[in-house]
């Protein structure tokens, strides 16, 4: 390999890895370069509820939500998440949105997608909706092992970060709540101040791990 080509690869490697290291150190705040904490291990896999869709947590970084009632009532939350989170991160190959929807309201999924597309033209291919029964909705929610609850229709305004190993990620040192299990999709302030940072941290965590793995293989 020519010296110039080798130098170019070294420079490109440094330019990619160094910003990740700096970001993890500063953006993770009190975590001080630690990974985004695991709050619950072994969240129930989607395929345990639905074997036909092919949607799963494995090998994906997932934003998970529970929309048990009418999806018309969820449009404001959907727009907040679409604008602040999805449009910012959807181009990452291993990133996805997954929402469990009460099977009684499955006909409203297309209406919600159309509302999200209007005026923005966002690629919604990574917005995934899985229709389940009210009982299965509760069973899956219980596997998160949080103090939060679903309402009577099986719905919650909170969304959660689930990693590639089906673990719930969040904060165990949040200045406002102590342990932050999920993010209130009704609150643009919470999405801006906390959720964006936490999604960045977990994406950077996996990107850095992949770079280190590839570097070791090349030795």
N, C-alpha and C. Protein backbone atom coordinates (compact mmCIF):
# COMPACT_ATOMS: atom_id res chain seq x y z
N UNK A 1 0.84 -1.20 0.00
CA UNK A 1 0.00 0.00 0.00
C UNK A 1 0.87 1.24 0.00
N UNK A 2 0.55 2.21 -0.85
CA UNK A 2 1.34 3.42 -0.90
C UNK A 2 1.21 4.22 0.39
N UNK A 3 2.29 4.94 0.70
CA UNK A 3 2.33 5.68 1.95
C UNK A 3 1.21 6.71 2.01
N UNK A 4 0.96 7.39 0.90
CA UNK A 4 -0.09 8.41 0.88
C UNK A 4 -1.47 7.82 1.17
N UNK A 5 -1.72 6.64 0.63
CA UNK A 5 -3.00 5.98 0.87
C UNK A 5 -3.15 5.57 2.33
N UNK A 6 -2.05 5.06 2.92
CA UNK A 6 -2.07 4.67 4.33
C UNK A 6 -2.32 5.88 5.21
N UNK A 7 -1.63 6.97 4.93
CA UNK A 7 -1.81 8.19 5.72
C UNK A 7 -3.24 8.70 5.63
N UNK A 8 -3.80 8.60 4.42
CA UNK A 8 -5.18 9.04 4.22
C UNK A 8 -6.14 8.23 5.07
N UNK A 9 -5.94 6.91 5.13
CA UNK A 9 -6.83 6.05 5.93
C UNK A 9 -6.69 6.34 7.42
N UNK A 10 -5.46 6.60 7.85
CA UNK A 10 -5.24 6.92 9.27
C UNK A 10 -5.95 8.21 9.64
N UNK A 11 -5.82 9.21 8.78
CA UNK A 11 -6.46 10.50 9.04
C UNK A 11 -7.97 10.36 9.08
N UNK A 12 -8.54 9.61 8.13
CA UNK A 12 -9.98 9.41 8.10
C UNK A 12 -10.46 8.67 9.34
N UNK A 13 -9.67 7.68 9.78
CA UNK A 13 -10.02 6.93 10.99
C UNK A 13 -10.05 7.82 12.21
N UNK A 14 -9.03 8.68 12.34
CA UNK A 14 -8.96 9.59 13.48
C UNK A 14 -10.13 10.58 13.45
N UNK A 15 -10.42 11.10 12.25
CA UNK A 15 -11.51 12.07 12.11
C UNK A 15 -12.85 11.47 12.48
N UNK A 16 -13.03 10.16 12.27
CA UNK A 16 -14.30 9.52 12.60
C UNK A 16 -14.38 9.14 14.07
N UNK A 17 -13.35 8.51 14.59
CA UNK A 17 -13.39 7.97 15.96
C UNK A 17 -13.25 9.07 17.01
N UNK A 18 -12.38 10.04 16.78
CA UNK A 18 -12.14 11.07 17.81
C UNK A 18 -13.40 11.83 18.18
N UNK A 19 -14.21 12.30 17.19
CA UNK A 19 -15.44 12.98 17.58
C UNK A 19 -16.38 12.13 18.41
N UNK A 20 -16.42 10.80 18.13
CA UNK A 20 -17.26 9.92 18.92
C UNK A 20 -16.79 9.87 20.37
N UNK A 21 -15.47 9.78 20.55
CA UNK A 21 -14.92 9.74 21.90
C UNK A 21 -15.22 11.03 22.65
N UNK A 22 -15.04 12.16 21.98
CA UNK A 22 -15.30 13.47 22.60
C UNK A 22 -16.78 13.60 22.94
N UNK A 23 -17.65 13.16 22.00
CA UNK A 23 -19.09 13.26 22.25
C UNK A 23 -19.51 12.42 23.45
N UNK A 24 -19.05 11.19 23.49
CA UNK A 24 -19.43 10.31 24.60
C UNK A 24 -18.96 10.87 25.94
N UNK A 25 -17.81 11.51 25.94
CA UNK A 25 -17.27 12.04 27.19
C UNK A 25 -18.10 13.22 27.69
N UNK A 26 -18.45 14.14 26.78
CA UNK A 26 -19.14 15.35 27.20
C UNK A 26 -20.65 15.21 27.19
N UNK A 27 -21.21 14.56 26.17
CA UNK A 27 -22.67 14.53 26.04
C UNK A 27 -23.32 13.62 27.05
N UNK A 28 -22.61 12.63 27.56
CA UNK A 28 -23.23 11.71 28.51
C UNK A 28 -23.30 12.27 29.91
N UNK A 29 -22.80 13.51 30.11
CA UNK A 29 -22.96 14.18 31.39
C UNK A 29 -22.40 13.39 32.55
N UNK A 30 -23.27 13.08 33.52
CA UNK A 30 -22.83 12.38 34.72
C UNK A 30 -22.38 10.96 34.44
N UNK A 31 -22.77 10.43 33.27
CA UNK A 31 -22.36 9.07 32.95
C UNK A 31 -20.87 8.97 32.70
N UNK A 32 -20.22 10.15 32.42
CA UNK A 32 -18.77 10.19 32.25
C UNK A 32 -18.25 9.07 31.35
N UNK A 33 -18.70 9.09 30.11
CA UNK A 33 -18.23 8.17 29.09
C UNK A 33 -18.83 6.77 29.23
N UNK A 34 -19.62 6.54 30.28
CA UNK A 34 -20.25 5.24 30.42
C UNK A 34 -21.32 5.07 29.36
N UNK A 35 -21.71 3.82 29.13
CA UNK A 35 -22.82 3.55 28.23
C UNK A 35 -24.10 4.05 28.86
N UNK A 36 -25.11 4.25 28.01
CA UNK A 36 -26.42 4.59 28.53
C UNK A 36 -26.88 3.40 29.40
N UNK A 37 -27.20 3.65 30.67
CA UNK A 37 -27.47 2.55 31.59
C UNK A 37 -28.58 1.59 31.14
N UNK A 38 -28.39 0.33 31.44
CA UNK A 38 -29.44 -0.68 31.25
C UNK A 38 -30.33 -0.66 32.49
N UNK A 39 -31.62 -0.42 32.29
CA UNK A 39 -32.56 -0.36 33.40
C UNK A 39 -33.33 -1.67 33.57
N UNK A 40 -33.59 -2.36 32.45
CA UNK A 40 -34.28 -3.66 32.49
C UNK A 40 -33.67 -4.56 31.42
N UNK A 41 -33.28 -5.75 31.80
CA UNK A 41 -32.75 -6.71 30.84
C UNK A 41 -33.88 -7.61 30.31
N UNK A 42 -33.75 -7.98 29.05
CA UNK A 42 -34.66 -8.98 28.48
C UNK A 42 -36.09 -8.54 28.31
N UNK A 43 -36.30 -7.35 27.71
CA UNK A 43 -37.66 -6.95 27.36
C UNK A 43 -38.23 -7.97 26.37
N UNK A 44 -39.50 -8.30 26.50
CA UNK A 44 -40.14 -9.31 25.67
C UNK A 44 -40.00 -8.95 24.19
N UNK A 45 -39.49 -9.91 23.40
CA UNK A 45 -39.30 -9.68 21.98
C UNK A 45 -40.65 -9.52 21.27
N UNK A 46 -40.68 -8.65 20.25
CA UNK A 46 -41.90 -8.43 19.48
C UNK A 46 -42.39 -9.72 18.83
N UNK A 47 -41.47 -10.53 18.36
CA UNK A 47 -41.88 -11.76 17.67
C UNK A 47 -42.57 -12.75 18.60
N UNK A 48 -42.46 -12.54 19.91
CA UNK A 48 -43.21 -13.38 20.85
C UNK A 48 -44.71 -13.07 20.80
N UNK A 49 -45.03 -11.85 20.34
CA UNK A 49 -46.43 -11.45 20.22
C UNK A 49 -46.94 -11.57 18.79
N UNK A 50 -46.03 -11.31 17.83
CA UNK A 50 -46.43 -11.28 16.43
C UNK A 50 -45.36 -11.97 15.60
N UNK A 51 -45.72 -13.10 15.01
CA UNK A 51 -44.74 -13.89 14.26
C UNK A 51 -44.81 -13.63 12.76
N UNK A 52 -45.69 -12.72 12.35
CA UNK A 52 -45.90 -12.51 10.92
C UNK A 52 -45.22 -11.26 10.36
N UNK A 53 -45.00 -10.25 11.19
CA UNK A 53 -44.49 -8.98 10.69
C UNK A 53 -42.99 -8.99 10.42
N UNK A 54 -42.25 -9.84 11.12
CA UNK A 54 -40.79 -9.85 10.97
C UNK A 54 -40.09 -8.76 11.76
N UNK A 55 -40.84 -7.97 12.51
CA UNK A 55 -40.27 -6.88 13.32
C UNK A 55 -39.72 -7.46 14.62
N UNK A 56 -38.52 -7.03 14.98
CA UNK A 56 -37.92 -7.52 16.22
C UNK A 56 -36.94 -6.48 16.76
N UNK A 57 -36.57 -6.65 18.04
CA UNK A 57 -35.60 -5.77 18.67
C UNK A 57 -34.17 -6.17 18.31
N UNK A 58 -33.93 -7.43 18.12
CA UNK A 58 -32.58 -7.94 17.91
C UNK A 58 -31.89 -7.20 16.76
N UNK A 59 -30.68 -6.71 17.04
CA UNK A 59 -29.84 -6.01 16.07
C UNK A 59 -30.40 -4.66 15.64
N UNK A 60 -31.35 -4.12 16.40
CA UNK A 60 -31.91 -2.81 16.12
C UNK A 60 -31.89 -1.93 17.37
N UNK A 61 -31.75 -0.64 17.16
CA UNK A 61 -31.96 0.33 18.23
C UNK A 61 -33.37 0.85 18.04
N UNK A 62 -34.22 0.61 19.03
CA UNK A 62 -35.66 0.80 18.86
C UNK A 62 -36.21 1.89 19.77
N UNK A 63 -37.04 2.76 19.18
CA UNK A 63 -37.89 3.65 19.98
C UNK A 63 -39.25 2.96 20.05
N UNK A 64 -39.64 2.58 21.25
CA UNK A 64 -40.82 1.75 21.47
C UNK A 64 -41.94 2.54 22.13
N UNK A 65 -43.17 2.38 21.60
CA UNK A 65 -44.31 3.04 22.20
C UNK A 65 -45.54 2.15 22.23
N UNK A 66 -46.52 2.56 23.05
CA UNK A 66 -47.75 1.79 23.23
C UNK A 66 -48.93 2.72 22.97
N UNK A 67 -49.58 2.49 21.82
CA UNK A 67 -50.70 3.32 21.40
C UNK A 67 -51.95 2.46 21.33
N UNK A 68 -52.56 2.27 22.48
CA UNK A 68 -53.68 1.36 22.57
C UNK A 68 -55.00 1.93 22.11
N UNK A 69 -55.19 3.25 22.21
CA UNK A 69 -56.46 3.85 21.84
C UNK A 69 -56.47 4.37 20.41
N UNK A 70 -57.41 5.24 20.13
CA UNK A 70 -57.53 5.82 18.80
C UNK A 70 -56.25 6.55 18.42
N UNK A 71 -55.73 6.29 17.23
CA UNK A 71 -54.49 6.93 16.78
C UNK A 71 -54.69 8.40 16.46
N UNK A 72 -55.94 8.81 16.25
CA UNK A 72 -56.20 10.23 16.03
C UNK A 72 -55.78 11.05 17.25
N UNK A 73 -55.89 10.45 18.42
CA UNK A 73 -55.51 11.14 19.65
C UNK A 73 -53.99 11.19 19.83
N UNK A 74 -53.27 10.43 18.99
CA UNK A 74 -51.82 10.35 19.12
C UNK A 74 -51.07 11.19 18.08
N UNK A 75 -51.80 11.95 17.28
CA UNK A 75 -51.15 12.67 16.19
C UNK A 75 -50.14 13.70 16.70
N UNK A 76 -50.45 14.40 17.76
CA UNK A 76 -49.53 15.41 18.30
C UNK A 76 -48.24 14.75 18.78
N UNK A 77 -48.36 13.62 19.50
CA UNK A 77 -47.18 12.90 19.97
C UNK A 77 -46.37 12.38 18.79
N UNK A 78 -47.08 11.84 17.77
CA UNK A 78 -46.40 11.31 16.59
C UNK A 78 -45.63 12.41 15.86
N UNK A 79 -46.23 13.57 15.73
CA UNK A 79 -45.56 14.68 15.06
C UNK A 79 -44.33 15.13 15.83
N UNK A 80 -44.43 15.19 17.16
CA UNK A 80 -43.27 15.56 17.98
C UNK A 80 -42.12 14.59 17.76
N UNK A 81 -42.42 13.29 17.81
CA UNK A 81 -41.39 12.27 17.65
C UNK A 81 -40.83 12.26 16.23
N UNK A 82 -41.69 12.47 15.26
CA UNK A 82 -41.25 12.47 13.87
C UNK A 82 -40.28 13.63 13.60
N UNK A 83 -40.64 14.81 14.09
CA UNK A 83 -39.83 16.00 13.83
C UNK A 83 -38.53 16.00 14.62
N UNK A 84 -38.58 15.61 15.87
CA UNK A 84 -37.42 15.75 16.75
C UNK A 84 -36.50 14.54 16.77
N UNK A 85 -37.06 13.35 16.60
CA UNK A 85 -36.25 12.13 16.72
C UNK A 85 -36.11 11.40 15.38
N UNK A 86 -37.23 11.03 14.80
CA UNK A 86 -37.17 10.16 13.61
C UNK A 86 -36.41 10.82 12.46
N UNK A 87 -36.76 12.05 12.11
CA UNK A 87 -36.12 12.73 10.98
C UNK A 87 -34.63 12.96 11.21
N UNK A 88 -34.24 13.02 12.47
CA UNK A 88 -32.84 13.23 12.80
C UNK A 88 -32.01 11.95 12.69
N UNK A 89 -32.64 10.79 12.97
CA UNK A 89 -31.86 9.56 13.11
C UNK A 89 -32.26 8.43 12.16
N UNK A 90 -33.31 8.57 11.38
CA UNK A 90 -33.83 7.42 10.63
C UNK A 90 -32.86 6.88 9.58
N UNK A 91 -31.89 7.68 9.17
CA UNK A 91 -30.95 7.20 8.16
C UNK A 91 -29.92 6.22 8.72
N UNK A 92 -29.83 6.10 10.04
CA UNK A 92 -28.99 5.05 10.61
C UNK A 92 -29.65 3.70 10.29
N UNK A 93 -28.87 2.81 9.72
CA UNK A 93 -29.41 1.55 9.21
C UNK A 93 -30.11 0.72 10.28
N UNK A 94 -29.57 0.74 11.50
CA UNK A 94 -30.10 -0.14 12.55
C UNK A 94 -31.03 0.59 13.52
N UNK A 95 -31.67 1.66 13.06
CA UNK A 95 -32.57 2.46 13.89
C UNK A 95 -34.01 2.24 13.43
N UNK A 96 -34.95 2.13 14.40
CA UNK A 96 -36.35 1.93 14.02
C UNK A 96 -37.30 2.46 15.10
N UNK A 97 -38.51 2.77 14.68
CA UNK A 97 -39.62 3.06 15.57
C UNK A 97 -40.53 1.84 15.58
N UNK A 98 -41.02 1.44 16.75
CA UNK A 98 -41.99 0.36 16.86
C UNK A 98 -43.10 0.80 17.82
N UNK A 99 -44.34 0.75 17.34
CA UNK A 99 -45.48 1.07 18.19
C UNK A 99 -46.46 -0.10 18.20
N UNK A 100 -46.81 -0.51 19.41
CA UNK A 100 -47.83 -1.54 19.56
C UNK A 100 -49.19 -0.84 19.54
N UNK A 101 -50.07 -1.32 18.67
CA UNK A 101 -51.37 -0.69 18.45
C UNK A 101 -52.47 -1.69 18.78
N UNK A 102 -53.47 -1.24 19.50
CA UNK A 102 -54.62 -2.09 19.79
C UNK A 102 -55.25 -2.53 18.47
N UNK A 103 -55.48 -3.83 18.32
CA UNK A 103 -55.98 -4.37 17.06
C UNK A 103 -57.31 -3.76 16.62
N UNK A 104 -58.04 -3.18 17.54
CA UNK A 104 -59.32 -2.55 17.20
C UNK A 104 -59.11 -1.28 16.38
N UNK A 105 -57.90 -0.72 16.41
CA UNK A 105 -57.63 0.55 15.73
C UNK A 105 -56.62 0.39 14.60
N UNK A 106 -56.42 -0.82 14.12
CA UNK A 106 -55.42 -1.05 13.07
C UNK A 106 -55.75 -0.29 11.78
N UNK A 107 -57.03 -0.02 11.54
CA UNK A 107 -57.43 0.69 10.33
C UNK A 107 -56.97 2.14 10.33
N UNK A 108 -56.57 2.67 11.48
CA UNK A 108 -56.17 4.06 11.58
C UNK A 108 -54.68 4.28 11.32
N UNK A 109 -53.92 3.20 11.16
CA UNK A 109 -52.48 3.32 10.96
C UNK A 109 -52.15 4.11 9.71
N UNK A 110 -52.79 3.79 8.60
CA UNK A 110 -52.51 4.49 7.34
C UNK A 110 -52.88 5.97 7.43
N UNK A 111 -53.96 6.27 8.13
CA UNK A 111 -54.35 7.67 8.31
C UNK A 111 -53.27 8.45 9.06
N UNK A 112 -52.71 7.82 10.09
CA UNK A 112 -51.66 8.48 10.86
C UNK A 112 -50.41 8.68 10.01
N UNK A 113 -50.03 7.68 9.23
CA UNK A 113 -48.87 7.81 8.36
C UNK A 113 -49.07 8.94 7.34
N UNK A 114 -50.27 9.05 6.81
CA UNK A 114 -50.55 10.12 5.85
C UNK A 114 -50.43 11.49 6.50
N UNK A 115 -50.88 11.58 7.75
CA UNK A 115 -50.77 12.84 8.47
C UNK A 115 -49.31 13.23 8.69
N UNK A 116 -48.46 12.22 8.92
CA UNK A 116 -47.04 12.48 9.12
C UNK A 116 -46.36 12.89 7.81
N UNK A 117 -46.82 12.34 6.71
CA UNK A 117 -46.20 12.64 5.41
C UNK A 117 -46.56 14.03 4.89
N UNK A 118 -47.72 14.52 5.25
CA UNK A 118 -48.22 15.77 4.68
C UNK A 118 -47.25 16.91 4.95
N UNK A 119 -46.80 17.53 3.87
CA UNK A 119 -45.98 18.73 3.98
C UNK A 119 -44.52 18.50 4.25
N UNK A 120 -44.11 17.28 4.61
CA UNK A 120 -42.70 17.03 4.94
C UNK A 120 -42.07 15.97 4.06
N UNK A 121 -42.88 15.03 3.56
CA UNK A 121 -42.35 14.01 2.66
C UNK A 121 -41.33 13.09 3.30
N UNK A 122 -41.47 12.84 4.60
CA UNK A 122 -40.52 11.98 5.31
C UNK A 122 -40.67 10.52 4.89
N UNK A 123 -39.55 9.83 4.74
CA UNK A 123 -39.56 8.39 4.48
C UNK A 123 -39.96 7.68 5.77
N UNK A 124 -41.14 7.08 5.78
CA UNK A 124 -41.67 6.47 7.00
C UNK A 124 -41.45 4.96 7.05
N UNK A 125 -40.49 4.48 6.27
CA UNK A 125 -40.27 3.04 6.18
C UNK A 125 -39.83 2.42 7.51
N UNK A 126 -39.31 3.24 8.43
CA UNK A 126 -38.87 2.71 9.72
C UNK A 126 -39.84 3.04 10.85
N UNK A 127 -41.02 3.51 10.49
CA UNK A 127 -42.13 3.59 11.44
C UNK A 127 -42.86 2.25 11.35
N UNK A 128 -42.77 1.43 12.37
CA UNK A 128 -43.39 0.10 12.36
C UNK A 128 -44.54 0.04 13.37
N UNK A 129 -45.67 -0.48 12.91
CA UNK A 129 -46.84 -0.64 13.77
C UNK A 129 -47.19 -2.12 13.87
N UNK A 130 -47.32 -2.61 15.10
CA UNK A 130 -47.65 -4.01 15.34
C UNK A 130 -48.99 -4.05 16.07
N UNK A 131 -49.97 -4.68 15.46
CA UNK A 131 -51.29 -4.75 16.08
C UNK A 131 -51.36 -5.96 17.02
N UNK A 132 -51.81 -5.69 18.23
CA UNK A 132 -51.89 -6.74 19.25
C UNK A 132 -53.18 -6.57 20.04
N UNK A 133 -53.51 -7.59 20.80
CA UNK A 133 -54.68 -7.51 21.67
C UNK A 133 -54.35 -6.66 22.89
N UNK A 134 -55.38 -6.21 23.56
CA UNK A 134 -55.19 -5.40 24.78
C UNK A 134 -54.40 -6.20 25.82
N UNK A 135 -54.68 -7.50 25.91
CA UNK A 135 -53.97 -8.35 26.88
C UNK A 135 -52.49 -8.43 26.56
N UNK A 136 -52.17 -8.66 25.28
CA UNK A 136 -50.76 -8.75 24.89
C UNK A 136 -50.04 -7.42 25.02
N UNK A 137 -50.78 -6.33 24.82
CA UNK A 137 -50.21 -5.00 25.03
C UNK A 137 -49.74 -4.85 26.48
N UNK A 138 -50.59 -5.26 27.40
CA UNK A 138 -50.24 -5.15 28.82
C UNK A 138 -49.10 -6.10 29.18
N UNK A 139 -49.13 -7.31 28.63
CA UNK A 139 -48.07 -8.27 28.91
C UNK A 139 -46.72 -7.73 28.47
N UNK A 140 -46.69 -7.15 27.29
CA UNK A 140 -45.43 -6.61 26.80
C UNK A 140 -44.98 -5.42 27.62
N UNK A 141 -45.90 -4.54 27.94
CA UNK A 141 -45.56 -3.36 28.75
C UNK A 141 -45.00 -3.78 30.11
N UNK A 142 -45.58 -4.81 30.69
CA UNK A 142 -45.11 -5.29 31.99
C UNK A 142 -43.65 -5.76 31.93
N UNK A 143 -43.22 -6.24 30.76
CA UNK A 143 -41.84 -6.75 30.64
C UNK A 143 -40.80 -5.64 30.72
N UNK A 144 -41.23 -4.37 30.59
CA UNK A 144 -40.30 -3.25 30.77
C UNK A 144 -39.92 -3.08 32.25
N UNK A 145 -40.82 -3.51 33.13
CA UNK A 145 -40.59 -3.44 34.58
C UNK A 145 -40.33 -2.01 35.04
N UNK A 146 -41.26 -1.12 34.69
CA UNK A 146 -41.17 0.27 35.11
C UNK A 146 -42.31 0.58 36.06
N UNK A 147 -42.25 1.70 36.78
CA UNK A 147 -43.37 2.10 37.64
C UNK A 147 -44.49 2.79 36.86
N UNK A 148 -44.32 2.95 35.56
CA UNK A 148 -45.34 3.59 34.72
C UNK A 148 -46.48 2.62 34.45
N UNK A 149 -47.62 3.17 34.00
CA UNK A 149 -48.79 2.34 33.74
C UNK A 149 -49.43 2.72 32.41
N UNK A 150 -50.10 1.73 31.80
CA UNK A 150 -50.94 2.00 30.64
C UNK A 150 -52.29 2.50 31.13
N UNK A 151 -52.95 3.33 30.31
CA UNK A 151 -54.29 3.76 30.69
C UNK A 151 -55.32 2.68 30.32
N UNK A 152 -56.59 2.98 30.48
CA UNK A 152 -57.63 1.96 30.29
C UNK A 152 -57.70 1.43 28.86
N UNK A 153 -57.25 2.22 27.90
CA UNK A 153 -57.27 1.77 26.51
C UNK A 153 -55.98 1.09 26.10
N UNK A 154 -55.05 0.94 27.06
CA UNK A 154 -53.78 0.29 26.76
C UNK A 154 -52.78 1.22 26.12
N UNK A 155 -52.84 2.49 26.47
CA UNK A 155 -51.99 3.50 25.84
C UNK A 155 -51.11 4.20 26.87
N UNK A 156 -50.00 4.76 26.37
CA UNK A 156 -49.10 5.55 27.21
C UNK A 156 -48.49 6.66 26.37
N UNK A 157 -48.28 7.85 26.96
CA UNK A 157 -47.60 8.92 26.23
C UNK A 157 -46.08 8.74 26.24
N UNK A 158 -45.59 7.76 26.98
CA UNK A 158 -44.15 7.57 27.11
C UNK A 158 -43.61 6.63 26.03
N UNK A 159 -42.43 6.94 25.55
CA UNK A 159 -41.72 6.07 24.61
C UNK A 159 -40.40 5.67 25.25
N UNK A 160 -39.85 4.55 24.79
CA UNK A 160 -38.72 3.93 25.46
C UNK A 160 -37.61 3.58 24.46
N UNK A 161 -36.38 3.54 24.95
CA UNK A 161 -35.25 3.13 24.12
C UNK A 161 -34.90 1.68 24.47
N UNK A 162 -34.97 0.82 23.46
CA UNK A 162 -34.62 -0.60 23.63
C UNK A 162 -33.42 -0.88 22.74
N UNK A 163 -32.39 -1.50 23.31
CA UNK A 163 -31.15 -1.71 22.56
C UNK A 163 -31.18 -3.00 21.73
N UNK A 164 -30.07 -3.32 21.10
CA UNK A 164 -30.00 -4.46 20.18
C UNK A 164 -30.09 -5.81 20.87
N UNK A 165 -29.95 -5.79 22.19
CA UNK A 165 -30.05 -7.04 22.96
C UNK A 165 -31.36 -7.10 23.74
N UNK A 166 -32.33 -6.29 23.35
CA UNK A 166 -33.66 -6.26 23.98
C UNK A 166 -33.62 -5.78 25.42
N UNK A 167 -32.71 -4.85 25.72
CA UNK A 167 -32.64 -4.25 27.05
C UNK A 167 -33.20 -2.83 27.03
N UNK A 168 -33.92 -2.47 28.09
CA UNK A 168 -34.41 -1.11 28.22
C UNK A 168 -33.28 -0.21 28.69
N UNK A 169 -33.03 0.86 27.95
CA UNK A 169 -31.99 1.83 28.31
C UNK A 169 -32.63 3.12 28.80
N UNK A 170 -31.96 3.82 29.71
CA UNK A 170 -32.45 5.09 30.21
C UNK A 170 -31.45 5.71 31.16
N UNK A 171 -31.94 6.59 32.02
CA UNK A 171 -31.05 7.28 32.96
C UNK A 171 -31.32 6.80 34.39
N UNK A 172 -30.26 6.55 35.12
CA UNK A 172 -30.43 6.22 36.54
C UNK A 172 -29.93 7.33 37.46
N UNK A 173 -29.64 8.49 36.85
CA UNK A 173 -29.16 9.63 37.63
C UNK A 173 -29.76 10.93 37.12
N UNK A 174 -31.00 10.86 36.64
CA UNK A 174 -31.64 12.05 36.09
C UNK A 174 -31.87 13.08 37.19
N UNK A 175 -31.59 14.34 36.86
CA UNK A 175 -31.66 15.39 37.89
C UNK A 175 -33.10 15.67 38.33
N UNK A 176 -34.07 15.31 37.51
CA UNK A 176 -35.46 15.60 37.85
C UNK A 176 -36.20 14.40 38.44
N UNK A 177 -35.90 13.20 37.93
CA UNK A 177 -36.70 12.03 38.32
C UNK A 177 -35.89 10.91 38.95
N UNK A 178 -34.62 11.05 39.05
CA UNK A 178 -33.80 9.96 39.57
C UNK A 178 -33.57 8.92 38.48
N UNK A 179 -34.54 8.04 38.29
CA UNK A 179 -34.49 7.06 37.20
C UNK A 179 -35.48 7.46 36.12
N UNK A 180 -34.98 7.65 34.92
CA UNK A 180 -35.82 8.04 33.80
C UNK A 180 -35.97 6.83 32.88
N UNK A 181 -37.14 6.19 32.96
CA UNK A 181 -37.39 4.97 32.19
C UNK A 181 -37.80 5.28 30.75
N UNK A 182 -38.59 6.32 30.58
CA UNK A 182 -39.10 6.66 29.26
C UNK A 182 -39.24 8.16 29.11
N UNK A 183 -39.62 8.58 27.91
CA UNK A 183 -39.71 9.99 27.58
C UNK A 183 -41.14 10.34 27.20
N UNK A 184 -41.64 11.43 27.74
CA UNK A 184 -43.01 11.85 27.50
C UNK A 184 -43.09 12.51 26.13
N UNK A 185 -43.73 11.83 25.18
CA UNK A 185 -43.81 12.32 23.80
C UNK A 185 -44.67 13.57 23.68
N UNK A 186 -45.41 13.91 24.72
CA UNK A 186 -46.21 15.14 24.70
C UNK A 186 -45.33 16.36 24.97
N UNK A 187 -44.16 16.13 25.53
CA UNK A 187 -43.30 17.22 25.97
C UNK A 187 -42.15 17.45 24.99
N UNK A 188 -42.25 18.51 24.20
CA UNK A 188 -41.16 18.85 23.29
C UNK A 188 -39.90 19.18 24.08
N UNK A 189 -40.08 19.80 25.24
CA UNK A 189 -38.93 20.17 26.07
C UNK A 189 -38.15 18.93 26.51
N UNK A 190 -38.84 17.89 26.96
CA UNK A 190 -38.16 16.68 27.41
C UNK A 190 -37.48 15.96 26.24
N UNK A 191 -38.14 15.95 25.09
CA UNK A 191 -37.52 15.34 23.91
C UNK A 191 -36.24 16.08 23.54
N UNK A 192 -36.31 17.42 23.53
CA UNK A 192 -35.15 18.23 23.15
C UNK A 192 -34.01 18.12 24.16
N UNK A 193 -34.35 18.19 25.44
CA UNK A 193 -33.32 18.28 26.47
C UNK A 193 -32.73 16.92 26.86
N UNK A 194 -33.51 15.86 26.70
CA UNK A 194 -33.04 14.57 27.21
C UNK A 194 -33.04 13.45 26.17
N UNK A 195 -34.14 13.28 25.47
CA UNK A 195 -34.25 12.12 24.58
C UNK A 195 -33.27 12.19 23.42
N UNK A 196 -33.12 13.35 22.81
CA UNK A 196 -32.17 13.49 21.70
C UNK A 196 -30.77 13.11 22.15
N UNK A 197 -30.36 13.60 23.31
CA UNK A 197 -29.02 13.29 23.82
C UNK A 197 -28.85 11.80 24.07
N UNK A 198 -29.87 11.15 24.64
CA UNK A 198 -29.74 9.73 24.97
C UNK A 198 -29.70 8.86 23.72
N UNK A 199 -30.46 9.24 22.70
CA UNK A 199 -30.41 8.49 21.44
C UNK A 199 -29.03 8.67 20.80
N UNK A 200 -28.49 9.87 20.86
CA UNK A 200 -27.14 10.10 20.33
C UNK A 200 -26.11 9.24 21.04
N UNK A 201 -26.24 9.14 22.35
CA UNK A 201 -25.28 8.38 23.14
C UNK A 201 -25.30 6.90 22.76
N UNK A 202 -26.50 6.33 22.65
CA UNK A 202 -26.56 4.89 22.36
C UNK A 202 -26.13 4.61 20.92
N UNK A 203 -26.44 5.49 19.98
CA UNK A 203 -25.97 5.31 18.61
C UNK A 203 -24.45 5.40 18.55
N UNK A 204 -23.88 6.38 19.25
CA UNK A 204 -22.43 6.53 19.27
C UNK A 204 -21.76 5.33 19.94
N UNK A 205 -22.42 4.81 20.96
CA UNK A 205 -21.90 3.63 21.67
C UNK A 205 -21.72 2.45 20.72
N UNK A 206 -22.76 2.17 19.92
CA UNK A 206 -22.69 1.05 18.99
C UNK A 206 -21.74 1.33 17.83
N UNK A 207 -21.70 2.58 17.37
CA UNK A 207 -20.79 2.92 16.28
C UNK A 207 -19.34 2.73 16.73
N UNK A 208 -19.04 3.17 17.94
CA UNK A 208 -17.69 3.04 18.46
C UNK A 208 -17.32 1.57 18.63
N UNK A 209 -18.26 0.77 19.16
CA UNK A 209 -18.01 -0.66 19.34
C UNK A 209 -17.74 -1.34 17.99
N UNK A 210 -18.47 -0.92 16.97
CA UNK A 210 -18.27 -1.50 15.63
C UNK A 210 -16.90 -1.12 15.08
N UNK A 211 -16.50 0.12 15.27
CA UNK A 211 -15.20 0.56 14.78
C UNK A 211 -14.06 -0.19 15.47
N UNK A 212 -14.19 -0.37 16.78
CA UNK A 212 -13.16 -1.10 17.53
C UNK A 212 -13.09 -2.55 17.07
N UNK A 213 -14.27 -3.18 16.86
CA UNK A 213 -14.32 -4.56 16.39
C UNK A 213 -13.67 -4.70 15.02
N UNK A 214 -13.99 -3.80 14.11
CA UNK A 214 -13.41 -3.87 12.76
C UNK A 214 -11.90 -3.63 12.78
N UNK A 215 -11.46 -2.73 13.66
CA UNK A 215 -10.03 -2.44 13.77
C UNK A 215 -9.28 -3.67 14.25
N UNK A 216 -9.86 -4.41 15.19
CA UNK A 216 -9.21 -5.61 15.71
C UNK A 216 -9.13 -6.70 14.64
N UNK A 217 -10.18 -6.78 13.83
CA UNK A 217 -10.21 -7.81 12.77
C UNK A 217 -9.13 -7.53 11.71
N UNK A 218 -8.83 -6.26 11.49
CA UNK A 218 -7.88 -5.89 10.45
C UNK A 218 -6.42 -6.06 10.89
N UNK A 219 -6.22 -6.28 12.18
CA UNK A 219 -4.84 -6.43 12.67
C UNK A 219 -4.26 -7.80 12.27
